Amino acid sequence: MEVIYTGIHQTPDDVVNTVVQEDPDAVMLSMLSGAHNALCPIIMSKLKEQGIDDVLVAVGGIIPDEDKPFLEGQGLKGFYGPGTDLNTIVEFVRNNLKR
């Protein structure tokens, strides 16, 4: 797997522009700010506006269990908290790629 790290404090537009330019199979977001319910729907909507619906999108950070159904409804597929074993995430990506 190739990883493209875009750095911290990326806007939804930054994320979507990177997806458009790099054409990844998966997007793994890190949300430690608690803004996942605000930012993730914007990212998913902007991806859809660009006609991108075949990219696996997951989020890591402190995501309360009660927020996961809402985020799943937005199209996110995986949620990983602090301390998640990297192999768990790699297996998730391998088993859930849409392409």
PDB file of N, CA and C in Angstrom:
ATOM      1  N   MET A   1       0.843  -1.180   0.000  1.00  0.00           N
ATOM      2  CA  MET A   1       0.000   0.000   0.000  1.00  0.00           C
ATOM      3  C   MET A   1       0.881   1.233   0.000  1.00  0.00           C
ATOM      4  N   GLU A   2       0.427   2.219  -0.707  1.00  0.00           N
ATOM      5  CA  GLU A   2       1.087   3.523  -0.703  1.00  0.00           C
ATOM      6  C   GLU A   2       0.251   4.439   0.169  1.00  0.00           C
ATOM      7  N   VAL A   3       0.896   5.196   1.017  1.00  0.00           N
ATOM      8  CA  VAL A   3       0.214   6.139   1.895  1.00  0.00           C
ATOM      9  C   VAL A   3       0.598   7.554   1.482  1.00  0.00           C
ATOM     10  N   ILE A   4      -0.396   8.398   1.345  1.00  0.00           N
ATOM     11  CA  ILE A   4      -0.168   9.810   1.056  1.00  0.00           C
ATOM     12  C   ILE A   4      -0.651  10.574   2.278  1.00  0.00           C
ATOM     13  N   TYR A   5       0.279  11.114   3.018  1.00  0.00           N
ATOM     14  CA  TYR A   5      -0.053  11.862   4.227  1.00  0.00           C
ATOM     15  C   TYR A   5      -0.158  13.338   3.857  1.00  0.00           C
ATOM     16  N   THR A   6      -1.286  13.948   4.163  1.00  0.00           N
ATOM     17  CA  THR A   6      -1.496  15.343   3.776  1.00  0.00           C
ATOM     18  C   THR A   6      -1.259  16.326   4.910  1.00  0.00           C
ATOM     19  N   GLY A   7      -0.996  15.827   6.109  1.00  0.00           N
ATOM     20  CA  GLY A   7      -0.734  16.723   7.236  1.00  0.00           C
ATOM     21  C   GLY A   7      -1.986  16.999   8.048  1.00  0.00           C
ATOM     22  N   ILE A   8      -1.795  17.752   9.096  1.00  0.00           N
ATOM     23  CA  ILE A   8      -2.903  18.054   9.997  1.00  0.00           C
ATOM     24  C   ILE A   8      -3.646  19.311   9.540  1.00  0.00           C
ATOM     25  N   HIS A   9      -4.818  19.485  10.090  1.00  0.00           N
ATOM     26  CA  HIS A   9      -5.645  20.673   9.865  1.00  0.00           C
ATOM     27  C   HIS A   9      -6.017  20.866   8.400  1.00  0.00           C
ATOM     28  N   GLN A  10      -6.421  19.795   7.737  1.00  0.00           N
ATOM     29  CA  GLN A  10      -6.890  19.875   6.358  1.00  0.00           C
ATOM     30  C   GLN A  10      -8.383  20.194   6.358  1.00  0.00           C
ATOM     31  N   THR A  11      -8.801  21.046   5.461  1.00  0.00           N
ATOM     32  CA  THR A  11     -10.219  21.360   5.325  1.00  0.00           C
ATOM     33  C   THR A  11     -10.900  20.255   4.511  1.00  0.00           C
ATOM     34  N   PRO A  12     -12.217  20.179   4.564  1.00  0.00           N
ATOM     35  CA  PRO A  12     -12.898  19.224   3.685  1.00  0.00           C
ATOM     36  C   PRO A  12     -12.515  19.409   2.210  1.00  0.00           C
ATOM     37  N   ASP A  13     -12.393  20.645   1.770  1.00  0.00           N
ATOM     38  CA  ASP A  13     -11.982  20.891   0.385  1.00  0.00           C
ATOM     39  C   ASP A  13     -10.576  20.349   0.119  1.00  0.00           C
ATOM     40  N   ASP A  14      -9.670  20.521   1.083  1.00  0.00           N
ATOM     41  CA  ASP A  14      -8.312  19.976   0.926  1.00  0.00           C
ATOM     42  C   ASP A  14      -8.357  18.464   0.753  1.00  0.00           C
ATOM     43  N   VAL A  15      -9.156  17.806   1.575  1.00  0.00           N
ATOM     44  CA  VAL A  15      -9.262  16.344   1.518  1.00  0.00           C
ATOM     45  C   VAL A  15      -9.803  15.914   0.162  1.00  0.00           C
ATOM     46  N   VAL A  16     -10.887  16.526  -0.264  1.00  0.00           N
ATOM     47  CA  VAL A  16     -11.509  16.143  -1.526  1.00  0.00           C
ATOM     48  C   VAL A  16     -10.585  16.452  -2.704  1.00  0.00           C
ATOM     49  N   ASN A  17      -9.913  17.578  -2.683  1.00  0.00           N
ATOM     50  CA  ASN A  17      -8.975  17.899  -3.762  1.00  0.00           C
ATOM     51  C   ASN A  17      -7.859  16.864  -3.849  1.00  0.00           C
ATOM     52  N   THR A  18      -7.387  16.394  -2.709  1.00  0.00           N
ATOM     53  CA  THR A  18      -6.359  15.353  -2.704  1.00  0.00           C
ATOM     54  C   THR A  18      -6.909  14.067  -3.307  1.00  0.00           C
ATOM     55  N   VAL A  19      -8.138  13.720  -2.959  1.00  0.00           N
ATOM     56  CA  VAL A  19      -8.755  12.513  -3.514  1.00  0.00           C
ATOM     57  C   VAL A  19      -8.880  12.639  -5.036  1.00  0.00           C
ATOM     58  N   VAL A  20      -9.301  13.790  -5.505  1.00  0.00           N
ATOM     59  CA  VAL A  20      -9.436  14.009  -6.945  1.00  0.00           C
ATOM     60  C   VAL A  20      -8.074  13.877  -7.631  1.00  0.00           C
ATOM     61  N   GLN A  21      -7.046  14.468  -7.051  1.00  0.00           N
ATOM     62  CA  GLN A  21      -5.714  14.468  -7.666  1.00  0.00           C
ATOM     63  C   GLN A  21      -5.030  13.106  -7.599  1.00  0.00           C
ATOM     64  N   GLU A  22      -5.175  12.409  -6.485  1.00  0.00           N
ATOM     65  CA  GLU A  22      -4.408  11.188  -6.252  1.00  0.00           C
ATOM     66  C   GLU A  22      -5.159   9.906  -6.593  1.00  0.00           C
ATOM     67  N   ASP A  23      -6.480   9.961  -6.707  1.00  0.00           N
ATOM     68  CA  ASP A  23      -7.313   8.802  -7.046  1.00  0.00           C
ATOM     69  C   ASP A  23      -7.028   7.591  -6.142  1.00  0.00           C
ATOM     70  N   PRO A  24      -7.171   7.758  -4.827  1.00  0.00           N
ATOM     71  CA  PRO A  24      -6.883   6.647  -3.924  1.00  0.00           C
ATOM     72  C   PRO A  24      -8.009   5.620  -3.896  1.00  0.00           C
ATOM     73  N   ASP A  25      -7.685   4.450  -3.366  1.00  0.00           N
ATOM     74  CA  ASP A  25      -8.693   3.415  -3.145  1.00  0.00           C
ATOM     75  C   ASP A  25      -9.375   3.602  -1.797  1.00  0.00           C
ATOM     76  N   ALA A  26      -8.674   4.254  -0.865  1.00  0.00           N
ATOM     77  CA  ALA A  26      -9.211   4.459   0.483  1.00  0.00           C
ATOM     78  C   ALA A  26      -8.765   5.809   1.020  1.00  0.00           C
ATOM     79  N   VAL A  27      -9.615   6.374   1.855  1.00  0.00           N
ATOM     80  CA  VAL A  27      -9.310   7.613   2.559  1.00  0.00           C
ATOM     81  C   VAL A  27      -9.483   7.332   4.034  1.00  0.00           C
ATOM     82  N   MET A  28      -8.425   7.549   4.786  1.00  0.00           N
ATOM     83  CA  MET A  28      -8.463   7.323   6.218  1.00  0.00           C
ATOM     84  C   MET A  28      -8.314   8.677   6.905  1.00  0.00           C
ATOM     85  N   LEU A  29      -9.385   9.129   7.521  1.00  0.00           N
ATOM     86  CA  LEU A  29      -9.401  10.431   8.177  1.00  0.00           C
ATOM     87  C   LEU A  29      -9.036  10.289   9.645  1.00  0.00           C
ATOM     88  N   SER A  30      -8.356  11.270  10.177  1.00  0.00           N
ATOM     89  CA  SER A  30      -8.048  11.308  11.599  1.00  0.00           C
ATOM     90  C   SER A  30      -8.743  12.516  12.187  1.00  0.00           C
ATOM     91  N   MET A  31      -9.646  12.267  13.135  1.00  0.00           N
ATOM     92  CA  MET A  31     -10.438  13.339  13.741  1.00  0.00           C
ATOM     93  C   MET A  31     -10.287  13.296  15.255  1.00  0.00           C
ATOM     94  N   LEU A  32      -9.365  14.053  15.758  1.00  0.00           N
ATOM     95  CA  LEU A  32      -9.196  14.121  17.206  1.00  0.00           C
ATOM     96  C   LEU A  32      -9.848  15.370  17.792  1.00  0.00           C
ATOM     97  N   SER A  33     -10.419  16.195  16.924  1.00  0.00           N
ATOM     98  CA  SER A  33     -10.984  17.470  17.363  1.00  0.00           C
ATOM     99  C   SER A  33     -12.397  17.340  17.910  1.00  0.00           C
ATOM    100  N   GLY A  34     -13.044  16.197  17.658  1.00  0.00           N
ATOM    101  CA  GLY A  34     -14.440  16.047  18.048  1.00  0.00           C
ATOM    102  C   GLY A  34     -15.395  16.613  17.011  1.00  0.00           C
ATOM    103  N   ALA A  35     -14.871  17.012  15.864  1.00  0.00           N
ATOM    104  CA  ALA A  35     -15.697  17.625  14.824  1.00  0.00           C
ATOM    105  C   ALA A  35     -16.134  16.623  13.764  1.00  0.00           C
ATOM    106  N   HIS A  36     -16.048  15.336  14.062  1.00  0.00           N
ATOM    107  CA  HIS A  36     -16.371  14.304  13.080  1.00  0.00           C
ATOM    108  C   HIS A  36     -17.795  14.407  12.540  1.00  0.00           C
ATOM    109  N   ASN A  37     -18.767  14.731  13.392  1.00  0.00           N
ATOM    110  CA  ASN A  37     -20.158  14.820  12.928  1.00  0.00           C
ATOM    111  C   ASN A  37     -20.390  16.033  12.035  1.00  0.00           C
ATOM    112  N   ALA A  38     -19.525  17.024  12.125  1.00  0.00           N
ATOM    113  CA  ALA A  38     -19.637  18.198  11.263  1.00  0.00           C
ATOM    114  C   ALA A  38     -18.819  18.037   9.983  1.00  0.00           C
ATOM    115  N   LEU A  39     -17.593  17.538  10.105  1.00  0.00           N
ATOM    116  CA  LEU A  39     -16.683  17.499   8.960  1.00  0.00           C
ATOM    117  C   LEU A  39     -16.878  16.294   8.042  1.00  0.00           C
ATOM    118  N   CYS A  40     -17.118  15.129   8.605  1.00  0.00           N
ATOM    119  CA  CYS A  40     -17.251  13.932   7.768  1.00  0.00           C
ATOM    120  C   CYS A  40     -18.410  14.032   6.776  1.00  0.00           C
ATOM    121  N   PRO A  41     -19.597  14.514   7.179  1.00  0.00           N
ATOM    122  CA  PRO A  41     -20.668  14.654   6.191  1.00  0.00           C
ATOM    123  C   PRO A  41     -20.322  15.630   5.067  1.00  0.00           C
ATOM    124  N   ILE A  42     -19.584  16.675   5.383  1.00  0.00           N
ATOM    125  CA  ILE A  42     -19.173  17.625   4.348  1.00  0.00           C
ATOM    126  C   ILE A  42     -18.243  16.942   3.357  1.00  0.00           C
ATOM    127  N   ILE A  43     -17.277  16.191   3.868  1.00  0.00           N
ATOM    128  CA  ILE A  43     -16.342  15.475   2.996  1.00  0.00           C
ATOM    129  C   ILE A  43     -17.098  14.486   2.113  1.00  0.00           C
ATOM    130  N   MET A  44     -17.996  13.720   2.697  1.00  0.00           N
ATOM    131  CA  MET A  44     -18.732  12.726   1.919  1.00  0.00           C
ATOM    132  C   MET A  44     -19.610  13.393   0.860  1.00  0.00           C
ATOM    133  N   SER A  45     -20.225  14.512   1.196  1.00  0.00           N
ATOM    134  CA  SER A  45     -21.054  15.245   0.239  1.00  0.00           C
ATOM    135  C   SER A  45     -20.210  15.791  -0.907  1.00  0.00           C
ATOM    136  N   LYS A  46     -19.059  16.330  -0.589  1.00  0.00           N
ATOM    137  CA  LYS A  46     -18.182  16.876  -1.623  1.00  0.00           C
ATOM    138  C   LYS A  46     -17.613  15.771  -2.517  1.00  0.00           C
ATOM    139  N   LEU A  47     -17.335  14.611  -1.941  1.00  0.00           N
ATOM    140  CA  LEU A  47     -16.902  13.478  -2.768  1.00  0.00           C
ATOM    141  C   LEU A  47     -18.008  13.099  -3.751  1.00  0.00           C
ATOM    142  N   LYS A  48     -19.234  13.042  -3.251  1.00  0.00           N
ATOM    143  CA  LYS A  48     -20.373  12.696  -4.102  1.00  0.00           C
ATOM    144  C   LYS A  48     -20.554  13.730  -5.210  1.00  0.00           C
ATOM    145  N   GLU A  49     -20.388  15.021  -4.874  1.00  0.00           N
ATOM    146  CA  GLU A  49     -20.496  16.082  -5.885  1.00  0.00           C
ATOM    147  C   GLU A  49     -19.472  15.889  -7.005  1.00  0.00           C
ATOM    148  N   GLN A  50     -18.332  15.317  -6.658  1.00  0.00           N
ATOM    149  CA  GLN A  50     -17.276  15.062  -7.638  1.00  0.00           C
ATOM    150  C   GLN A  50     -17.481  13.734  -8.376  1.00  0.00           C
ATOM    151  N   GLY A  51     -18.556  13.032  -8.044  1.00  0.00           N
ATOM    152  CA  GLY A  51     -18.834  11.746  -8.679  1.00  0.00           C
ATOM    153  C   GLY A  51     -17.985  10.617  -8.117  1.00  0.00           C
ATOM    154  N   ILE A  52     -17.440  10.811  -6.940  1.00  0.00           N
ATOM    155  CA  ILE A  52     -16.574   9.806  -6.312  1.00  0.00           C
ATOM    156  C   ILE A  52     -17.401   9.035  -5.294  1.00  0.00           C
ATOM    157  N   ASP A  53     -17.730   7.794  -5.647  1.00  0.00           N
ATOM    158  CA  ASP A  53     -18.516   6.972  -4.734  1.00  0.00           C
ATOM    159  C   ASP A  53     -17.912   5.583  -4.558  1.00  0.00           C
ATOM    160  N   ASP A  54     -16.722   5.390  -5.099  1.00  0.00           N
ATOM    161  CA  ASP A  54     -16.086   4.073  -5.027  1.00  0.00           C
ATOM    162  C   ASP A  54     -14.835   4.063  -4.155  1.00  0.00           C
ATOM    163  N   VAL A  55     -14.703   5.059  -3.291  1.00  0.00           N
ATOM    164  CA  VAL A  55     -13.557   5.145  -2.394  1.00  0.00           C
ATOM    165  C   VAL A  55     -14.000   4.763  -0.981  1.00  0.00           C
ATOM    166  N   LEU A  56     -13.268   3.872  -0.369  1.00  0.00           N
ATOM    167  CA  LEU A  56     -13.522   3.479   1.015  1.00  0.00           C
ATOM    168  C   LEU A  56     -13.118   4.626   1.928  1.00  0.00           C
ATOM    169  N   VAL A  57     -14.007   5.044   2.820  1.00  0.00           N
ATOM    170  CA  VAL A  57     -13.705   6.133   3.747  1.00  0.00           C
ATOM    171  C   VAL A  57     -13.920   5.642   5.174  1.00  0.00           C
ATOM    172  N   ALA A  58     -12.889   5.813   5.999  1.00  0.00           N
ATOM    173  CA  ALA A  58     -12.956   5.446   7.411  1.00  0.00           C
ATOM    174  C   ALA A  58     -12.394   6.598   8.232  1.00  0.00           C
ATOM    175  N   VAL A  59     -12.676   6.571   9.506  1.00  0.00           N
ATOM    176  CA  VAL A  59     -12.222   7.654  10.374  1.00  0.00           C
ATOM    177  C   VAL A  59     -11.644   7.092  11.664  1.00  0.00           C
ATOM    178  N   GLY A  60     -10.579   7.716  12.101  1.00  0.00           N
ATOM    179  CA  GLY A  60      -9.972   7.365  13.371  1.00  0.00           C
ATOM    180  C   GLY A  60     -10.029   8.565  14.305  1.00  0.00           C
ATOM    181  N   GLY A  61      -9.940   8.277  15.566  1.00  0.00           N
ATOM    182  CA  GLY A  61      -9.996   9.336  16.570  1.00  0.00           C
ATOM    183  C   GLY A  61     -10.919   8.915  17.688  1.00  0.00           C
ATOM    184  N   ILE A  62     -11.395   9.873  18.396  1.00  0.00           N
ATOM    185  CA  ILE A  62     -12.300   9.587  19.503  1.00  0.00           C
ATOM    186  C   ILE A  62     -13.721   9.767  18.976  1.00  0.00           C
ATOM    187  N   ILE A  63     -14.285   8.660  18.526  1.00  0.00           N
ATOM    188  CA  ILE A  63     -15.619   8.656  17.925  1.00  0.00           C
ATOM    189  C   ILE A  63     -16.549   7.898  18.871  1.00  0.00           C
ATOM    190  N   PRO A  64     -17.428   8.600  19.571  1.00  0.00           N
ATOM    191  CA  PRO A  64     -18.347   7.916  20.482  1.00  0.00           C
ATOM    192  C   PRO A  64     -19.241   6.923  19.734  1.00  0.00           C
ATOM    193  N   ASP A  65     -19.541   5.811  20.379  1.00  0.00           N
ATOM    194  CA  ASP A  65     -20.388   4.784  19.766  1.00  0.00           C
ATOM    195  C   ASP A  65     -21.709   5.347  19.269  1.00  0.00           C
ATOM    196  N   GLU A  66     -22.266   6.309  19.995  1.00  0.00           N
ATOM    197  CA  GLU A  66     -23.565   6.854  19.601  1.00  0.00           C
ATOM    198  C   GLU A  66     -23.484   7.696  18.320  1.00  0.00           C
ATOM    199  N   ASP A  67     -22.288   8.101  17.909  1.00  0.00           N
ATOM    200  CA  ASP A  67     -22.123   8.870  16.670  1.00  0.00           C
ATOM    201  C   ASP A  67     -21.921   7.979  15.443  1.00  0.00           C
ATOM    202  N   LYS A  68     -21.564   6.730  15.660  1.00  0.00           N
ATOM    203  CA  LYS A  68     -21.228   5.846  14.538  1.00  0.00           C
ATOM    204  C   LYS A  68     -22.388   5.591  13.588  1.00  0.00           C
ATOM    205  N   PRO A  69     -23.615   5.352  14.061  1.00  0.00           N
ATOM    206  CA  PRO A  69     -24.721   5.148  13.103  1.00  0.00           C
ATOM    207  C   PRO A  69     -24.938   6.350  12.181  1.00  0.00           C
ATOM    208  N   PHE A  70     -24.828   7.544  12.734  1.00  0.00           N
ATOM    209  CA  PHE A  70     -24.963   8.751  11.905  1.00  0.00           C
ATOM    210  C   PHE A  70     -23.882   8.780  10.830  1.00  0.00           C
ATOM    211  N   LEU A  71     -22.646   8.518  11.221  1.00  0.00           N
ATOM    212  CA  LEU A  71     -21.529   8.546  10.271  1.00  0.00           C
ATOM    213  C   LEU A  71     -21.637   7.422   9.242  1.00  0.00           C
ATOM    214  N   GLU A  72     -22.096   6.259   9.672  1.00  0.00           N
ATOM    215  CA  GLU A  72     -22.329   5.164   8.717  1.00  0.00           C
ATOM    216  C   GLU A  72     -23.371   5.580   7.678  1.00  0.00           C
ATOM    217  N   GLY A  73     -24.380   6.302   8.134  1.00  0.00           N
ATOM    218  CA  GLY A  73     -25.399   6.797   7.224  1.00  0.00           C
ATOM    219  C   GLY A  73     -24.859   7.792   6.206  1.00  0.00           C
ATOM    220  N   GLN A  74     -23.747   8.408   6.528  1.00  0.00           N
ATOM    221  CA  GLN A  74     -23.087   9.340   5.615  1.00  0.00           C
ATOM    222  C   GLN A  74     -22.168   8.623   4.628  1.00  0.00           C
ATOM    223  N   GLY A  75     -21.919   7.329   4.882  1.00  0.00           N
ATOM    224  CA  GLY A  75     -21.089   6.535   3.979  1.00  0.00           C
ATOM    225  C   GLY A  75     -19.756   6.099   4.538  1.00  0.00           C
ATOM    226  N   LEU A  76     -19.450   6.471   5.762  1.00  0.00           N
ATOM    227  CA  LEU A  76     -18.206   6.007   6.374  1.00  0.00           C
ATOM    228  C   LEU A  76     -18.354   4.554   6.783  1.00  0.00           C
ATOM    229  N   LYS A  77     -17.265   3.802   6.670  1.00  0.00           N
ATOM    230  CA  LYS A  77     -17.344   2.357   6.871  1.00  0.00           C
ATOM    231  C   LYS A  77     -16.565   1.824   8.063  1.00  0.00           C
ATOM    232  N   GLY A  78     -15.622   2.562   8.581  1.00  0.00           N
ATOM    233  CA  GLY A  78     -14.804   2.039   9.668  1.00  0.00           C
ATOM    234  C   GLY A  78     -14.469   3.116  10.672  1.00  0.00           C
ATOM    235  N   PHE A  79     -14.294   2.696  11.920  1.00  0.00           N
ATOM    236  CA  PHE A  79     -14.032   3.635  13.010  1.00  0.00           C
ATOM    237  C   PHE A  79     -12.956   3.048  13.907  1.00  0.00           C
ATOM    238  N   TYR A  80     -11.909   3.811  14.138  1.00  0.00           N
ATOM    239  CA  TYR A  80     -10.762   3.295  14.887  1.00  0.00           C
ATOM    240  C   TYR A  80     -10.307   4.305  15.918  1.00  0.00           C
ATOM    241  N   GLY A  81     -10.341   3.882  17.171  1.00  0.00           N
ATOM    242  CA  GLY A  81      -9.951   4.743  18.262  1.00  0.00           C
ATOM    243  C   GLY A  81      -8.456   4.691  18.540  1.00  0.00           C
ATOM    244  N   PRO A  82      -8.007   5.553  19.441  1.00  0.00           N
ATOM    245  CA  PRO A  82      -6.598   5.563  19.809  1.00  0.00           C
ATOM    246  C   PRO A  82      -6.155   4.178  20.290  1.00  0.00           C
ATOM    247  N   GLY A  83      -4.972   3.777  19.859  1.00  0.00           N
ATOM    248  CA  GLY A  83      -4.417   2.495  20.278  1.00  0.00           C
ATOM    249  C   GLY A  83      -4.821   1.317  19.423  1.00  0.00           C
ATOM    250  N   THR A  84      -5.622   1.552  18.379  1.00  0.00           N
ATOM    251  CA  THR A  84      -6.005   0.449  17.497  1.00  0.00           C
ATOM    252  C   THR A  84      -4.760  -0.119  16.837  1.00  0.00           C
ATOM    253  N   ASP A  85      -4.659  -1.433  16.835  1.00  0.00           N
ATOM    254  CA  ASP A  85      -3.527  -2.106  16.213  1.00  0.00           C
ATOM    255  C   ASP A  85      -3.537  -1.834  14.706  1.00  0.00           C
ATOM    256  N   LEU A  86      -2.392  -1.487  14.156  1.00  0.00           N
ATOM    257  CA  LEU A  86      -2.288  -1.171  12.738  1.00  0.00           C
ATOM    258  C   LEU A  86      -2.736  -2.330  11.854  1.00  0.00           C
ATOM    259  N   ASN A  87      -2.452  -3.548  12.264  1.00  0.00           N
ATOM    260  CA  ASN A  87      -2.868  -4.712  11.476  1.00  0.00           C
ATOM    261  C   ASN A  87      -4.388  -4.793  11.349  1.00  0.00           C
ATOM    262  N   THR A  88      -5.095  -4.365  12.363  1.00  0.00           N
ATOM    263  CA  THR A  88      -6.562  -4.344  12.319  1.00  0.00           C
ATOM    264  C   THR A  88      -7.041  -3.399  11.223  1.00  0.00           C
ATOM    265  N   ILE A  89      -6.417  -2.254  11.129  1.00  0.00           N
ATOM    266  CA  ILE A  89      -6.804  -1.269  10.120  1.00  0.00           C
ATOM    267  C   ILE A  89      -6.432  -1.760   8.724  1.00  0.00           C
ATOM    268  N   VAL A  90      -5.257  -2.333   8.585  1.00  0.00           N
ATOM    269  CA  VAL A  90      -4.822  -2.853   7.283  1.00  0.00           C
ATOM    270  C   VAL A  90      -5.779  -3.938   6.801  1.00  0.00           C
ATOM    271  N   GLU A  91      -6.161  -4.839   7.679  1.00  0.00           N
ATOM    272  CA  GLU A  91      -7.109  -5.904   7.299  1.00  0.00           C
ATOM    273  C   GLU A  91      -8.460  -5.316   6.907  1.00  0.00           C
ATOM    274  N   PHE A  92      -8.911  -4.302   7.638  1.00  0.00           N
ATOM    275  CA  PHE A  92     -10.166  -3.635   7.289  1.00  0.00           C
ATOM    276  C   PHE A  92     -10.092  -3.084   5.869  1.00  0.00           C
ATOM    277  N   VAL A  93      -9.008  -2.395   5.552  1.00  0.00           N
ATOM    278  CA  VAL A  93      -8.860  -1.819   4.214  1.00  0.00           C
ATOM    279  C   VAL A  93      -8.857  -2.927   3.166  1.00  0.00           C
ATOM    280  N   ARG A  94      -8.057  -3.942   3.371  1.00  0.00           N
ATOM    281  CA  ARG A  94      -7.974  -5.042   2.403  1.00  0.00           C
ATOM    282  C   ARG A  94      -9.330  -5.709   2.168  1.00  0.00           C
ATOM    283  N   ASN A  95     -10.103  -5.854   3.220  1.00  0.00           N
ATOM    284  CA  ASN A  95     -11.383  -6.563   3.126  1.00  0.00           C
ATOM    285  C   ASN A  95     -12.558  -5.698   2.664  1.00  0.00           C
ATOM    286  N   ASN A  96     -12.356  -4.385   2.588  1.00  0.00           N
ATOM    287  CA  ASN A  96     -13.487  -3.506   2.300  1.00  0.00           C
ATOM    288  C   ASN A  96     -13.287  -2.570   1.120  1.00  0.00           C
ATOM    289  N   LEU A  97     -12.196  -2.699   0.385  1.00  0.00           N
ATOM    290  CA  LEU A  97     -12.001  -1.830  -0.772  1.00  0.00           C
ATOM    291  C   LEU A  97     -13.143  -2.010  -1.762  1.00  0.00           C
ATOM    292  N   LYS A  98     -13.604  -0.943  -2.318  1.00  0.00           N
ATOM    293  CA  LYS A  98     -14.712  -0.991  -3.281  1.00  0.00           C
ATOM    294  C   LYS A  98     -14.210  -1.238  -4.694  1.00  0.00           C
ATOM    295  N   ARG A  99     -12.961  -0.939  -4.926  1.00  0.00           N
ATOM    296  CA  ARG A  99     -12.401  -1.060  -6.292  1.00  0.00           C
ATOM    297  C   ARG A  99     -11.747  -2.390  -6.489  1.00  0.00           C
TER     298      ARG A  99
END
